[in-house]
Amino acid sequence: MLKSLPLISILVTASGIAYSQPAYNVLPDNEILCKQAMGKLLAQQQVIFSDNQAAPDVRRAAERAIDTSREAFRAHGSYCEAQEALQAYKPEKDKSFRYRKGEVNFFGRGTG
């Protein structure tokens, strides 16, 4: 038991050093701000998309806005680019639905 005491004190000391190191952000400050803003914007779009009282074209526009931001993030790896794409998204002027693969194609409305 006494032989393991130095090992335990080294582990305790080392773990204290690890926890006392400052945490560094791997993202630049502007990306951190954009990530926070994106979280809020995506949450707003998700609320619209999930609202079963909203018109199907409004819900479809929210879904496509979310998809647009995902595509921008996938292409650039930047929250700021994704935020820009989300804020610049404009629904198609044509009122007819053109279903796209992977989208929700039925916005059923329950009666009760």
Protein backbone atom coordinates (compact mmCIF):
# COMPACT_ATOMS: atom_id res chain seq x y z
CA MET A 1 0.00 0.00 0.00
CA LEU A 2 2.80 2.42 0.80
CA LYS A 3 4.45 1.77 -2.56
CA SER A 4 1.37 3.01 -4.42
CA LEU A 5 1.16 6.25 -2.40
CA PRO A 6 3.67 8.16 -4.59
CA LEU A 7 1.81 7.05 -7.71
CA ILE A 8 -1.48 8.30 -6.29
CA SER A 9 0.01 11.68 -5.36
CA ILE A 10 1.47 12.05 -8.87
CA LEU A 11 -1.90 11.26 -10.44
CA VAL A 12 -3.70 13.71 -8.18
CA THR A 13 -1.13 16.43 -8.94
CA ALA A 14 -1.25 15.76 -12.68
CA SER A 15 -5.03 15.80 -12.75
CA GLY A 16 -5.02 19.13 -10.89
CA ILE A 17 -2.67 20.58 -13.49
CA ALA A 18 -4.87 19.36 -16.32
CA TYR A 19 -7.95 20.99 -14.84
CA SER A 20 -6.19 24.26 -14.09
CA GLN A 21 -5.18 24.79 -17.74
CA PRO A 22 -7.30 27.42 -19.49
CA ALA A 23 -9.71 26.12 -22.09
CA TYR A 24 -8.87 27.30 -25.58
CA ASN A 25 -11.46 27.76 -28.27
CA VAL A 26 -10.69 25.93 -31.46
CA LEU A 27 -12.91 28.32 -33.40
CA PRO A 28 -12.11 31.98 -34.02
CA ASP A 29 -14.28 34.40 -32.05
CA ASN A 30 -16.42 35.32 -35.06
CA GLU A 31 -17.19 31.63 -35.71
CA ILE A 32 -18.23 31.21 -32.08
CA LEU A 33 -20.59 34.18 -32.38
CA CYS A 34 -21.96 32.85 -35.66
CA LYS A 35 -22.46 29.40 -34.11
CA GLN A 36 -24.50 30.93 -31.29
CA ALA A 37 -26.55 33.00 -33.74
CA MET A 38 -27.09 29.93 -35.94
CA GLY A 39 -28.45 28.01 -32.99
CA LYS A 40 -31.10 30.67 -32.43
CA LEU A 41 -31.95 31.05 -36.11
CA LEU A 42 -32.25 27.31 -36.66
CA ALA A 43 -34.43 26.97 -33.58
CA GLN A 44 -36.76 29.64 -34.99
CA GLN A 45 -36.97 27.81 -38.32
CA GLN A 46 -37.57 24.50 -36.54
CA VAL A 47 -40.48 26.01 -34.59
CA ILE A 48 -42.02 27.20 -37.87
CA PHE A 49 -41.48 23.83 -39.52
CA SER A 50 -42.97 21.96 -36.56
CA ASP A 51 -46.07 24.16 -36.31
CA ASN A 52 -48.87 21.95 -37.61
CA GLN A 53 -51.17 24.97 -37.78
CA ALA A 54 -48.90 26.75 -40.30
CA ALA A 55 -49.57 26.54 -44.01
CA PRO A 56 -47.66 23.81 -45.86
CA ASP A 57 -45.76 26.33 -48.01
CA VAL A 58 -44.58 28.17 -44.88
CA ARG A 59 -43.43 24.92 -43.31
CA ARG A 60 -41.75 23.86 -46.57
CA ALA A 61 -39.88 27.20 -46.72
CA ALA A 62 -38.60 26.69 -43.17
CA GLU A 63 -37.43 23.18 -44.04
CA ARG A 64 -35.62 24.43 -47.12
CA ALA A 65 -34.02 27.30 -45.20
CA ILE A 66 -32.64 24.78 -42.71
CA ASP A 67 -31.39 22.59 -45.56
CA THR A 68 -29.73 25.59 -47.23
CA SER A 69 -27.77 26.38 -44.08
CA ARG A 70 -26.71 22.74 -43.74
CA GLU A 71 -25.47 22.68 -47.33
CA ALA A 72 -23.49 25.89 -46.80
CA PHE A 73 -21.92 24.51 -43.62
CA ARG A 74 -21.07 21.24 -45.34
CA ALA A 75 -19.47 23.09 -48.27
CA HIS A 76 -17.49 25.65 -46.28
CA GLY A 77 -17.21 24.29 -42.73
CA SER A 78 -18.10 27.75 -41.45
CA TYR A 79 -20.94 28.76 -39.15
CA CYS A 80 -20.71 32.30 -40.53
CA GLU A 81 -21.20 31.03 -44.09
CA ALA A 82 -24.12 28.89 -42.94
CA GLN A 83 -25.66 31.87 -41.12
CA GLU A 84 -25.30 34.01 -44.23
CA ALA A 85 -26.95 31.35 -46.37
CA LEU A 86 -29.83 30.97 -43.90
CA GLN A 87 -30.44 34.71 -43.69
CA ALA A 88 -30.21 35.11 -47.48
CA TYR A 89 -32.63 32.25 -48.19
CA LYS A 90 -35.69 33.31 -50.15
CA PRO A 91 -38.53 30.89 -50.90
CA GLU A 92 -39.21 30.20 -54.56
CA LYS A 93 -41.71 32.63 -56.08
CA ASP A 94 -43.58 29.81 -57.82
CA LYS A 95 -46.38 28.76 -55.47
CA SER A 96 -46.62 25.20 -56.78
CA PHE A 97 -44.89 22.54 -54.72
CA ARG A 98 -41.97 20.79 -56.28
CA TYR A 99 -41.14 18.05 -53.88
CA ARG A 100 -37.49 17.31 -53.36
CA LYS A 101 -35.94 14.07 -52.29
CA GLY A 102 -35.57 13.88 -48.50
CA GLU A 103 -38.20 16.48 -47.70
CA VAL A 104 -41.35 15.96 -45.72
CA ASN A 105 -43.93 15.52 -48.45
CA PHE A 106 -47.01 15.16 -46.31
CA PHE A 107 -48.12 17.77 -43.83
CA GLY A 108 -51.08 15.87 -42.46
CA ARG A 109 -53.50 17.77 -40.35
CA GLY A 110 -55.28 15.79 -37.72
CA THR A 111 -58.85 16.57 -36.84
CA GLY A 112 -58.53 15.98 -33.18
